[in-house]
Amino acid sequence: CKDIGMAYPSNYRRGWVHIVLVMDREAGKVNISTDFDEFREFEIPTELKDDFANALPVLNIGQDGTGNYSNRLNATIDEFILFDGALTQDDVTALASYYGVAANN
């Protein structure tokens, strides 16, 4: 398993944080947006690419794919949306508009 650590943006505000995560398994990349900001791209480490390509058939939120990770997510999730397809930066901007939040970009 691999964790991606990411610092909050310098203009981070306390309270709710909107997170958009897009995984491109074929390209071996993960894009993450916080509070509808521009995507930040991370490469899936070579040693994990097969694991991501053949991911477990289970989705665990705040937990690893096995459900045995000893650390728990210390947060409250208000809404979780799973899209069929990868979101673009334009989609993220549209989501910001939908939620009535000014994007940070």
PDB file of N, CA and C in Angstrom:
ATOM      1  N   CYS A   1       0.830  -1.181   0.000  1.00  0.00           N
ATOM      2  CA  CYS A   1       0.000   0.000   0.000  1.00  0.00           C
ATOM      3  C   CYS A   1       0.880   1.252   0.000  1.00  0.00           C
ATOM      4  N   LYS A   2       0.385   2.318  -0.542  1.00  0.00           N
ATOM      5  CA  LYS A   2       1.152   3.560  -0.645  1.00  0.00           C
ATOM      6  C   LYS A   2       0.246   4.728  -0.306  1.00  0.00           C
ATOM      7  N   ASP A   3       0.709   5.599   0.566  1.00  0.00           N
ATOM      8  CA  ASP A   3      -0.009   6.821   0.898  1.00  0.00           C
ATOM      9  C   ASP A   3       0.599   7.968   0.116  1.00  0.00           C
ATOM     10  N   ILE A   4      -0.236   8.895  -0.289  1.00  0.00           N
ATOM     11  CA  ILE A   4       0.246  10.110  -0.927  1.00  0.00           C
ATOM     12  C   ILE A   4       0.059  11.235   0.075  1.00  0.00           C
ATOM     13  N   GLY A   5       1.169  11.832   0.514  1.00  0.00           N
ATOM     14  CA  GLY A   5       1.091  12.970   1.425  1.00  0.00           C
ATOM     15  C   GLY A   5       1.061  14.249   0.619  1.00  0.00           C
ATOM     16  N   MET A   6       0.208  15.174   1.033  1.00  0.00           N
ATOM     17  CA  MET A   6       0.059  16.415   0.289  1.00  0.00           C
ATOM     18  C   MET A   6      -0.255  17.532   1.274  1.00  0.00           C
ATOM     19  N   ALA A   7       0.510  18.603   1.201  1.00  0.00           N
ATOM     20  CA  ALA A   7       0.248  19.750   2.073  1.00  0.00           C
ATOM     21  C   ALA A   7      -0.971  20.506   1.573  1.00  0.00           C
ATOM     22  N   TYR A   8      -1.713  21.077   2.495  1.00  0.00           N
ATOM     23  CA  TYR A   8      -2.833  21.927   2.098  1.00  0.00           C
ATOM     24  C   TYR A   8      -2.314  23.143   1.357  1.00  0.00           C
ATOM     25  N   PRO A   9      -3.119  23.702   0.451  1.00  0.00           N
ATOM     26  CA  PRO A   9      -2.698  24.920  -0.242  1.00  0.00           C
ATOM     27  C   PRO A   9      -2.470  26.060   0.750  1.00  0.00           C
ATOM     28  N   SER A  10      -1.650  27.037   0.366  1.00  0.00           N
ATOM     29  CA  SER A  10      -1.343  28.143   1.278  1.00  0.00           C
ATOM     30  C   SER A  10      -2.591  28.948   1.638  1.00  0.00           C
ATOM     31  N   ASN A  11      -3.614  28.928   0.790  1.00  0.00           N
ATOM     32  CA  ASN A  11      -4.833  29.668   1.082  1.00  0.00           C
ATOM     33  C   ASN A  11      -5.914  28.773   1.692  1.00  0.00           C
ATOM     34  N   TYR A  12      -5.523  27.681   2.303  1.00  0.00           N
ATOM     35  CA  TYR A  12      -6.439  26.741   2.933  1.00  0.00           C
ATOM     36  C   TYR A  12      -7.272  27.444   3.989  1.00  0.00           C
ATOM     37  N   ARG A  13      -8.548  27.172   3.969  1.00  0.00           N
ATOM     38  CA  ARG A  13      -9.433  27.716   5.000  1.00  0.00           C
ATOM     39  C   ARG A  13      -9.911  26.572   5.881  1.00  0.00           C
ATOM     40  N   ARG A  14     -10.101  26.853   7.132  1.00  0.00           N
ATOM     41  CA  ARG A  14     -10.568  25.821   8.067  1.00  0.00           C
ATOM     42  C   ARG A  14     -12.001  25.428   7.723  1.00  0.00           C
ATOM     43  N   GLY A  15     -12.368  24.233   8.046  1.00  0.00           N
ATOM     44  CA  GLY A  15     -13.717  23.758   7.769  1.00  0.00           C
ATOM     45  C   GLY A  15     -13.692  22.681   6.707  1.00  0.00           C
ATOM     46  N   TRP A  16     -14.701  22.660   5.871  1.00  0.00           N
ATOM     47  CA  TRP A  16     -14.821  21.644   4.837  1.00  0.00           C
ATOM     48  C   TRP A  16     -13.727  21.792   3.795  1.00  0.00           C
ATOM     49  N   VAL A  17     -13.245  20.690   3.327  1.00  0.00           N
ATOM     50  CA  VAL A  17     -12.268  20.666   2.237  1.00  0.00           C
ATOM     51  C   VAL A  17     -12.855  19.764   1.151  1.00  0.00           C
ATOM     52  N   HIS A  18     -12.916  20.273  -0.054  1.00  0.00           N
ATOM     53  CA  HIS A  18     -13.381  19.483  -1.192  1.00  0.00           C
ATOM     54  C   HIS A  18     -12.163  18.836  -1.846  1.00  0.00           C
ATOM     55  N   ILE A  19     -12.242  17.540  -2.043  1.00  0.00           N
ATOM     56  CA  ILE A  19     -11.122  16.816  -2.646  1.00  0.00           C
ATOM     57  C   ILE A  19     -11.627  16.068  -3.877  1.00  0.00           C
ATOM     58  N   VAL A  20     -10.930  16.257  -5.005  1.00  0.00           N
ATOM     59  CA  VAL A  20     -11.216  15.514  -6.226  1.00  0.00           C
ATOM     60  C   VAL A  20      -9.968  14.705  -6.538  1.00  0.00           C
ATOM     61  N   LEU A  21     -10.140  13.403  -6.704  1.00  0.00           N
ATOM     62  CA  LEU A  21      -9.029  12.508  -7.014  1.00  0.00           C
ATOM     63  C   LEU A  21      -9.367  11.779  -8.305  1.00  0.00           C
ATOM     64  N   VAL A  22      -8.461  11.842  -9.273  1.00  0.00           N
ATOM     65  CA  VAL A  22      -8.651  11.169 -10.557  1.00  0.00           C
ATOM     66  C   VAL A  22      -7.457  10.253 -10.781  1.00  0.00           C
ATOM     67  N   MET A  23      -7.742   8.964 -11.007  1.00  0.00           N
ATOM     68  CA  MET A  23      -6.667   8.010 -11.250  1.00  0.00           C
ATOM     69  C   MET A  23      -6.688   7.585 -12.709  1.00  0.00           C
ATOM     70  N   ASP A  24      -5.552   7.702 -13.371  1.00  0.00           N
ATOM     71  CA  ASP A  24      -5.384   7.226 -14.741  1.00  0.00           C
ATOM     72  C   ASP A  24      -4.446   6.029 -14.664  1.00  0.00           C
ATOM     73  N   ARG A  25      -5.016   4.859 -14.598  1.00  0.00           N
ATOM     74  CA  ARG A  25      -4.207   3.646 -14.419  1.00  0.00           C
ATOM     75  C   ARG A  25      -3.276   3.400 -15.599  1.00  0.00           C
ATOM     76  N   GLU A  26      -3.771   3.642 -16.804  1.00  0.00           N
ATOM     77  CA  GLU A  26      -2.938   3.389 -17.992  1.00  0.00           C
ATOM     78  C   GLU A  26      -1.710   4.293 -18.018  1.00  0.00           C
ATOM     79  N   ALA A  27      -1.877   5.561 -17.659  1.00  0.00           N
ATOM     80  CA  ALA A  27      -0.752   6.503 -17.654  1.00  0.00           C
ATOM     81  C   ALA A  27       0.057   6.405 -16.367  1.00  0.00           C
ATOM     82  N   GLY A  28      -0.487   5.722 -15.355  1.00  0.00           N
ATOM     83  CA  GLY A  28       0.227   5.586 -14.090  1.00  0.00           C
ATOM     84  C   GLY A  28       0.268   6.891 -13.306  1.00  0.00           C
ATOM     85  N   LYS A  29      -0.818   7.669 -13.383  1.00  0.00           N
ATOM     86  CA  LYS A  29      -0.845   8.978 -12.732  1.00  0.00           C
ATOM     87  C   LYS A  29      -2.093   9.134 -11.881  1.00  0.00           C
ATOM     88  N   VAL A  30      -1.953   9.939 -10.837  1.00  0.00           N
ATOM     89  CA  VAL A  30      -3.065  10.336  -9.978  1.00  0.00           C
ATOM     90  C   VAL A  30      -3.072  11.853  -9.942  1.00  0.00           C
ATOM     91  N   ASN A  31      -4.234  12.455 -10.179  1.00  0.00           N
ATOM     92  CA  ASN A  31      -4.398  13.908 -10.071  1.00  0.00           C
ATOM     93  C   ASN A  31      -5.292  14.206  -8.889  1.00  0.00           C
ATOM     94  N   ILE A  32      -4.881  15.184  -8.078  1.00  0.00           N
ATOM     95  CA  ILE A  32      -5.650  15.561  -6.893  1.00  0.00           C
ATOM     96  C   ILE A  32      -5.867  17.068  -6.898  1.00  0.00           C
ATOM     97  N   SER A  33      -7.116  17.456  -6.617  1.00  0.00           N
ATOM     98  CA  SER A  33      -7.476  18.866  -6.482  1.00  0.00           C
ATOM     99  C   SER A  33      -8.076  19.063  -5.097  1.00  0.00           C
ATOM    100  N   THR A  34      -7.619  20.072  -4.379  1.00  0.00           N
ATOM    101  CA  THR A  34      -8.237  20.435  -3.111  1.00  0.00           C
ATOM    102  C   THR A  34      -8.933  21.766  -3.280  1.00  0.00           C
ATOM    103  N   ASP A  35     -10.173  21.834  -2.795  1.00  0.00           N
ATOM    104  CA  ASP A  35     -11.000  23.034  -2.897  1.00  0.00           C
ATOM    105  C   ASP A  35     -11.051  23.579  -4.317  1.00  0.00           C
ATOM    106  N   PHE A  36     -11.172  22.678  -5.288  1.00  0.00           N
ATOM    107  CA  PHE A  36     -11.376  23.009  -6.700  1.00  0.00           C
ATOM    108  C   PHE A  36     -10.198  23.751  -7.319  1.00  0.00           C
ATOM    109  N   ASP A  37      -9.037  23.643  -6.706  1.00  0.00           N
ATOM    110  CA  ASP A  37      -7.816  24.250  -7.232  1.00  0.00           C
ATOM    111  C   ASP A  37      -7.342  23.422  -8.434  1.00  0.00           C
ATOM    112  N   GLU A  38      -6.312  23.905  -9.115  1.00  0.00           N
ATOM    113  CA  GLU A  38      -5.723  23.161 -10.232  1.00  0.00           C
ATOM    114  C   GLU A  38      -5.255  21.791  -9.739  1.00  0.00           C
ATOM    115  N   PHE A  39      -5.350  20.806 -10.613  1.00  0.00           N
ATOM    116  CA  PHE A  39      -4.868  19.476 -10.271  1.00  0.00           C
ATOM    117  C   PHE A  39      -3.375  19.506  -9.973  1.00  0.00           C
ATOM    118  N   ARG A  40      -2.979  18.696  -9.014  1.00  0.00           N
ATOM    119  CA  ARG A  40      -1.567  18.392  -8.793  1.00  0.00           C
ATOM    120  C   ARG A  40      -1.405  16.928  -9.177  1.00  0.00           C
ATOM    121  N   GLU A  41      -0.392  16.658  -9.988  1.00  0.00           N
ATOM    122  CA  GLU A  41      -0.216  15.317 -10.537  1.00  0.00           C
ATOM    123  C   GLU A  41       0.849  14.550  -9.770  1.00  0.00           C
ATOM    124  N   PHE A  42       0.555  13.292  -9.502  1.00  0.00           N
ATOM    125  CA  PHE A  42       1.487  12.390  -8.839  1.00  0.00           C
ATOM    126  C   PHE A  42       1.624  11.149  -9.701  1.00  0.00           C
ATOM    127  N   GLU A  43       2.810  10.623  -9.767  1.00  0.00           N
ATOM    128  CA  GLU A  43       3.036   9.388 -10.518  1.00  0.00           C
ATOM    129  C   GLU A  43       2.857   8.210  -9.579  1.00  0.00           C
ATOM    130  N   ILE A  44       2.166   7.187 -10.070  1.00  0.00           N
ATOM    131  CA  ILE A  44       2.033   5.957  -9.294  1.00  0.00           C
ATOM    132  C   ILE A  44       3.395   5.267  -9.340  1.00  0.00           C
ATOM    133  N   PRO A  45       3.988   4.965  -8.178  1.00  0.00           N
ATOM    134  CA  PRO A  45       5.311   4.338  -8.174  1.00  0.00           C
ATOM    135  C   PRO A  45       5.324   3.052  -8.997  1.00  0.00           C
ATOM    136  N   THR A  46       6.401   2.829  -9.694  1.00  0.00           N
ATOM    137  CA  THR A  46       6.545   1.672 -10.577  1.00  0.00           C
ATOM    138  C   THR A  46       6.187   0.374  -9.862  1.00  0.00           C
ATOM    139  N   GLU A  47       6.648   0.220  -8.628  1.00  0.00           N
ATOM    140  CA  GLU A  47       6.402  -1.038  -7.915  1.00  0.00           C
ATOM    141  C   GLU A  47       4.930  -1.230  -7.557  1.00  0.00           C
ATOM    142  N   LEU A  48       4.101  -0.178  -7.688  1.00  0.00           N
ATOM    143  CA  LEU A  48       2.678  -0.296  -7.362  1.00  0.00           C
ATOM    144  C   LEU A  48       1.775  -0.281  -8.590  1.00  0.00           C
ATOM    145  N   LYS A  49       2.335  -0.063  -9.768  1.00  0.00           N
ATOM    146  CA  LYS A  49       1.488   0.054 -10.966  1.00  0.00           C
ATOM    147  C   LYS A  49       0.655  -1.197 -11.202  1.00  0.00           C
ATOM    148  N   ASP A  50       1.215  -2.368 -11.022  1.00  0.00           N
ATOM    149  CA  ASP A  50       0.429  -3.597 -11.192  1.00  0.00           C
ATOM    150  C   ASP A  50      -0.674  -3.689 -10.141  1.00  0.00           C
ATOM    151  N   ASP A  51      -0.368  -3.249  -8.895  1.00  0.00           N
ATOM    152  CA  ASP A  51      -1.374  -3.275  -7.843  1.00  0.00           C
ATOM    153  C   ASP A  51      -2.550  -2.373  -8.198  1.00  0.00           C
ATOM    154  N   PHE A  52      -2.259  -1.186  -8.741  1.00  0.00           N
ATOM    155  CA  PHE A  52      -3.326  -0.264  -9.115  1.00  0.00           C
ATOM    156  C   PHE A  52      -4.102  -0.795 -10.316  1.00  0.00           C
ATOM    157  N   ALA A  53      -3.401  -1.388 -11.261  1.00  0.00           N
ATOM    158  CA  ALA A  53      -4.058  -1.907 -12.462  1.00  0.00           C
ATOM    159  C   ALA A  53      -4.971  -3.081 -12.121  1.00  0.00           C
ATOM    160  N   ASN A  54      -4.596  -3.838 -11.101  1.00  0.00           N
ATOM    161  CA  ASN A  54      -5.369  -5.012 -10.690  1.00  0.00           C
ATOM    162  C   ASN A  54      -5.945  -4.798  -9.296  1.00  0.00           C
ATOM    163  N   ALA A  55      -6.470  -3.592  -9.062  1.00  0.00           N
ATOM    164  CA  ALA A  55      -6.949  -3.223  -7.727  1.00  0.00           C
ATOM    165  C   ALA A  55      -7.961  -4.234  -7.197  1.00  0.00           C
ATOM    166  N   LEU A  56      -7.978  -4.318  -5.881  1.00  0.00           N
ATOM    167  CA  LEU A  56      -8.944  -5.198  -5.240  1.00  0.00           C
ATOM    168  C   LEU A  56     -10.356  -4.781  -5.639  1.00  0.00           C
ATOM    169  N   PRO A  57     -11.279  -5.707  -5.704  1.00  0.00           N
ATOM    170  CA  PRO A  57     -12.646  -5.366  -6.111  1.00  0.00           C
ATOM    171  C   PRO A  57     -13.456  -4.717  -4.980  1.00  0.00           C
ATOM    172  N   VAL A  58     -12.769  -4.044  -4.074  1.00  0.00           N
ATOM    173  CA  VAL A  58     -13.413  -3.424  -2.921  1.00  0.00           C
ATOM    174  C   VAL A  58     -12.991  -1.971  -2.842  1.00  0.00           C
ATOM    175  N   LEU A  59     -13.914  -1.088  -2.538  1.00  0.00           N
ATOM    176  CA  LEU A  59     -13.606   0.321  -2.337  1.00  0.00           C
ATOM    177  C   LEU A  59     -13.821   0.636  -0.867  1.00  0.00           C
ATOM    178  N   ASN A  60     -12.761   0.967  -0.179  1.00  0.00           N
ATOM    179  CA  ASN A  60     -12.839   1.353   1.222  1.00  0.00           C
ATOM    180  C   ASN A  60     -12.476   2.817   1.353  1.00  0.00           C
ATOM    181  N   ILE A  61     -13.327   3.601   1.950  1.00  0.00           N
ATOM    182  CA  ILE A  61     -13.080   5.025   2.135  1.00  0.00           C
ATOM    183  C   ILE A  61     -12.444   5.228   3.509  1.00  0.00           C
ATOM    184  N   GLY A  62     -11.290   5.911   3.533  1.00  0.00           N
ATOM    185  CA  GLY A  62     -10.579   6.113   4.797  1.00  0.00           C
ATOM    186  C   GLY A  62      -9.891   4.858   5.285  1.00  0.00           C
ATOM    187  N   GLN A  63      -9.620   3.944   4.368  1.00  0.00           N
ATOM    188  CA  GLN A  63      -9.066   2.644   4.728  1.00  0.00           C
ATOM    189  C   GLN A  63      -8.360   2.099   3.492  1.00  0.00           C
ATOM    190  N   ASP A  64      -7.513   1.110   3.660  1.00  0.00           N
ATOM    191  CA  ASP A  64      -6.888   0.519   2.478  1.00  0.00           C
ATOM    192  C   ASP A  64      -7.826  -0.520   1.867  1.00  0.00           C
ATOM    193  N   GLY A  65      -7.408  -1.109   0.753  1.00  0.00           N
ATOM    194  CA  GLY A  65      -8.257  -2.049   0.031  1.00  0.00           C
ATOM    195  C   GLY A  65      -8.594  -3.307   0.802  1.00  0.00           C
ATOM    196  N   THR A  66      -7.773  -3.656   1.790  1.00  0.00           N
ATOM    197  CA  THR A  66      -8.041  -4.868   2.563  1.00  0.00           C
ATOM    198  C   THR A  66      -8.964  -4.607   3.749  1.00  0.00           C
ATOM    199  N   GLY A  67      -9.064  -3.337   4.157  1.00  0.00           N
ATOM    200  CA  GLY A  67      -9.846  -3.010   5.350  1.00  0.00           C
ATOM    201  C   GLY A  67      -9.095  -3.285   6.635  1.00  0.00           C
ATOM    202  N   ASN A  68      -7.793  -3.589   6.529  1.00  0.00           N
ATOM    203  CA  ASN A  68      -6.994  -3.933   7.699  1.00  0.00           C
ATOM    204  C   ASN A  68      -5.993  -2.862   8.110  1.00  0.00           C
ATOM    205  N   TYR A  69      -6.049  -1.695   7.465  1.00  0.00           N
ATOM    206  CA  TYR A  69      -5.115  -0.609   7.785  1.00  0.00           C
ATOM    207  C   TYR A  69      -5.359  -0.160   9.219  1.00  0.00           C
ATOM    208  N   SER A  70      -4.305  -0.050  10.014  1.00  0.00           N
ATOM    209  CA  SER A  70      -4.481   0.228  11.445  1.00  0.00           C
ATOM    210  C   SER A  70      -4.862   1.672  11.752  1.00  0.00           C
ATOM    211  N   ASN A  71      -4.593   2.608  10.836  1.00  0.00           N
ATOM    212  CA  ASN A  71      -4.974   4.001  11.058  1.00  0.00           C
ATOM    213  C   ASN A  71      -6.355   4.260  10.463  1.00  0.00           C
ATOM    214  N   ARG A  72      -7.128   5.049  11.158  1.00  0.00           N
ATOM    215  CA  ARG A  72      -8.469   5.389  10.674  1.00  0.00           C
ATOM    216  C   ARG A  72      -8.500   6.839  10.212  1.00  0.00           C
ATOM    217  N   LEU A  73      -9.376   7.147   9.268  1.00  0.00           N
ATOM    218  CA  LEU A  73      -9.559   8.504   8.778  1.00  0.00           C
ATOM    219  C   LEU A  73     -10.146   9.350   9.898  1.00  0.00           C
ATOM    220  N   ASN A  74      -9.433  10.405  10.262  1.00  0.00           N
ATOM    221  CA  ASN A  74      -9.880  11.289  11.336  1.00  0.00           C
ATOM    222  C   ASN A  74     -10.582  12.497  10.711  1.00  0.00           C
ATOM    223  N   ALA A  75     -11.741  12.247  10.129  1.00  0.00           N
ATOM    224  CA  ALA A  75     -12.484  13.300   9.446  1.00  0.00           C
ATOM    225  C   ALA A  75     -13.936  12.869   9.329  1.00  0.00           C
ATOM    226  N   THR A  76     -14.786  13.820   9.013  1.00  0.00           N
ATOM    227  CA  THR A  76     -16.185  13.541   8.737  1.00  0.00           C
ATOM    228  C   THR A  76     -16.405  13.718   7.242  1.00  0.00           C
ATOM    229  N   ILE A  77     -17.008  12.735   6.618  1.00  0.00           N
ATOM    230  CA  ILE A  77     -17.297  12.819   5.195  1.00  0.00           C
ATOM    231  C   ILE A  77     -18.769  13.181   5.047  1.00  0.00           C
ATOM    232  N   ASP A  78     -19.028  14.301   4.381  1.00  0.00           N
ATOM    233  CA  ASP A  78     -20.390  14.759   4.190  1.00  0.00           C
ATOM    234  C   ASP A  78     -20.987  14.186   2.912  1.00  0.00           C
ATOM    235  N   GLU A  79     -20.181  14.101   1.888  1.00  0.00           N
ATOM    236  CA  GLU A  79     -20.675  13.652   0.597  1.00  0.00           C
ATOM    237  C   GLU A  79     -19.536  12.952  -0.139  1.00  0.00           C
ATOM    238  N   PHE A  80     -19.852  11.856  -0.782  1.00  0.00           N
ATOM    239  CA  PHE A  80     -18.864  11.107  -1.560  1.00  0.00           C
ATOM    240  C   PHE A  80     -19.512  10.768  -2.885  1.00  0.00           C
ATOM    241  N   ILE A  81     -18.903  11.209  -3.978  1.00  0.00           N
ATOM    242  CA  ILE A  81     -19.455  10.963  -5.304  1.00  0.00           C
ATOM    243  C   ILE A  81     -18.413  10.189  -6.113  1.00  0.00           C
ATOM    244  N   LEU A  82     -18.839   9.107  -6.720  1.00  0.00           N
ATOM    245  CA  LEU A  82     -17.973   8.306  -7.577  1.00  0.00           C
ATOM    246  C   LEU A  82     -18.480   8.476  -9.007  1.00  0.00           C
ATOM    247  N   PHE A  83     -17.641   9.037  -9.875  1.00  0.00           N
ATOM    248  CA  PHE A  83     -18.009   9.288 -11.266  1.00  0.00           C
ATOM    249  C   PHE A  83     -17.530   8.153 -12.153  1.00  0.00           C
ATOM    250  N   ASP A  84     -18.282   7.892 -13.186  1.00  0.00           N
ATOM    251  CA  ASP A  84     -17.897   6.908 -14.185  1.00  0.00           C
ATOM    252  C   ASP A  84     -17.121   7.636 -15.273  1.00  0.00           C
ATOM    253  N   GLY A  85     -15.819   7.685 -15.145  1.00  0.00           N
ATOM    254  CA  GLY A  85     -14.962   8.406 -16.077  1.00  0.00           C
ATOM    255  C   GLY A  85     -14.109   9.404 -15.338  1.00  0.00           C
ATOM    256  N   ALA A  86     -13.040   9.813 -15.964  1.00  0.00           N
ATOM    257  CA  ALA A  86     -12.089  10.734 -15.335  1.00  0.00           C
ATOM    258  C   ALA A  86     -12.556  12.177 -15.500  1.00  0.00           C
ATOM    259  N   LEU A  87     -12.531  12.927 -14.423  1.00  0.00           N
ATOM    260  CA  LEU A  87     -12.887  14.341 -14.468  1.00  0.00           C
ATOM    261  C   LEU A  87     -11.723  15.158 -15.017  1.00  0.00           C
ATOM    262  N   THR A  88     -12.062  16.202 -15.753  1.00  0.00           N
ATOM    263  CA  THR A  88     -11.065  17.137 -16.264  1.00  0.00           C
ATOM    264  C   THR A  88     -11.028  18.360 -15.364  1.00  0.00           C
ATOM    265  N   GLN A  89     -10.074  19.252 -15.622  1.00  0.00           N
ATOM    266  CA  GLN A  89     -10.011  20.496 -14.856  1.00  0.00           C
ATOM    267  C   GLN A  89     -11.293  21.308 -15.069  1.00  0.00           C
ATOM    268  N   ASP A  90     -11.851  21.302 -16.283  1.00  0.00           N
ATOM    269  CA  ASP A  90     -13.119  21.996 -16.546  1.00  0.00           C
ATOM    270  C   ASP A  90     -14.251  21.413 -15.709  1.00  0.00           C
ATOM    271  N   ASP A  91     -14.258  20.101 -15.540  1.00  0.00           N
ATOM    272  CA  ASP A  91     -15.270  19.464 -14.694  1.00  0.00           C
ATOM    273  C   ASP A  91     -15.147  19.925 -13.247  1.00  0.00           C
ATOM    274  N   VAL A  92     -13.916  20.045 -12.772  1.00  0.00           N
ATOM    275  CA  VAL A  92     -13.682  20.490 -11.397  1.00  0.00           C
ATOM    276  C   VAL A  92     -14.175  21.929 -11.225  1.00  0.00           C
ATOM    277  N   THR A  93     -13.918  22.778 -12.212  1.00  0.00           N
ATOM    278  CA  THR A  93     -14.401  24.161 -12.166  1.00  0.00           C
ATOM    279  C   THR A  93     -15.929  24.181 -12.157  1.00  0.00           C
ATOM    280  N   ALA A  94     -16.558  23.319 -12.945  1.00  0.00           N
ATOM    281  CA  ALA A  94     -18.026  23.235 -12.961  1.00  0.00           C
ATOM    282  C   ALA A  94     -18.560  22.773 -11.604  1.00  0.00           C
ATOM    283  N   LEU A  95     -17.864  21.853 -10.955  1.00  0.00           N
ATOM    284  CA  LEU A  95     -18.267  21.415  -9.616  1.00  0.00           C
ATOM    285  C   LEU A  95     -18.177  22.564  -8.618  1.00  0.00           C
ATOM    286  N   ALA A  96     -17.131  23.372  -8.732  1.00  0.00           N
ATOM    287  CA  ALA A  96     -16.993  24.535  -7.847  1.00  0.00           C
ATOM    288  C   ALA A  96     -18.199  25.456  -8.019  1.00  0.00           C
ATOM    289  N   SER A  97     -18.593  25.679  -9.250  1.00  0.00           N
ATOM    290  CA  SER A  97     -19.759  26.521  -9.538  1.00  0.00           C
ATOM    291  C   SER A  97     -21.025  25.893  -8.962  1.00  0.00           C
ATOM    292  N   TYR A  98     -21.181  24.603  -9.136  1.00  0.00           N
ATOM    293  CA  TYR A  98     -22.355  23.885  -8.626  1.00  0.00           C
ATOM    294  C   TYR A  98     -22.478  24.034  -7.106  1.00  0.00           C
ATOM    295  N   TYR A  99     -21.341  23.925  -6.412  1.00  0.00           N
ATOM    296  CA  TYR A  99     -21.340  24.019  -4.958  1.00  0.00           C
ATOM    297  C   TYR A  99     -21.298  25.467  -4.474  1.00  0.00           C
ATOM    298  N   GLY A 100     -21.209  26.418  -5.403  1.00  0.00           N
ATOM    299  CA  GLY A 100     -21.194  27.833  -5.018  1.00  0.00           C
ATOM    300  C   GLY A 100     -19.911  28.242  -4.343  1.00  0.00           C
ATOM    301  N   VAL A 101     -18.814  27.592  -4.743  1.00  0.00           N
ATOM    302  CA  VAL A 101     -17.505  27.869  -4.144  1.00  0.00           C
ATOM    303  C   VAL A 101     -16.613  28.463  -5.222  1.00  0.00           C
ATOM    304  N   ALA A 102     -15.932  29.537  -4.891  1.00  0.00           N
ATOM    305  CA  ALA A 102     -14.962  30.114  -5.833  1.00  0.00           C
ATOM    306  C   ALA A 102     -13.734  29.234  -5.873  1.00  0.00           C
ATOM    307  N   ALA A 103     -13.365  28.787  -7.059  1.00  0.00           N
ATOM    308  CA  ALA A 103     -12.154  27.981  -7.206  1.00  0.00           C
ATOM    309  C   ALA A 103     -10.947  28.810  -6.828  1.00  0.00           C
ATOM    310  N   ASN A 104      -9.924  28.142  -6.305  1.00  0.00           N
ATOM    311  CA  ASN A 104      -8.703  28.827  -5.861  1.00  0.00           C
ATOM    312  C   ASN A 104      -7.755  29.143  -6.995  1.00  0.00           C
ATOM    313  N   ASN A 105      -8.038  28.702  -8.220  1.00  0.00           N
ATOM    314  CA  ASN A 105      -7.054  28.869  -9.290  1.00  0.00           C
ATOM    315  C   ASN A 105      -7.166  30.183  -9.979  1.00  0.00           C
TER     316      ASN A 105
END
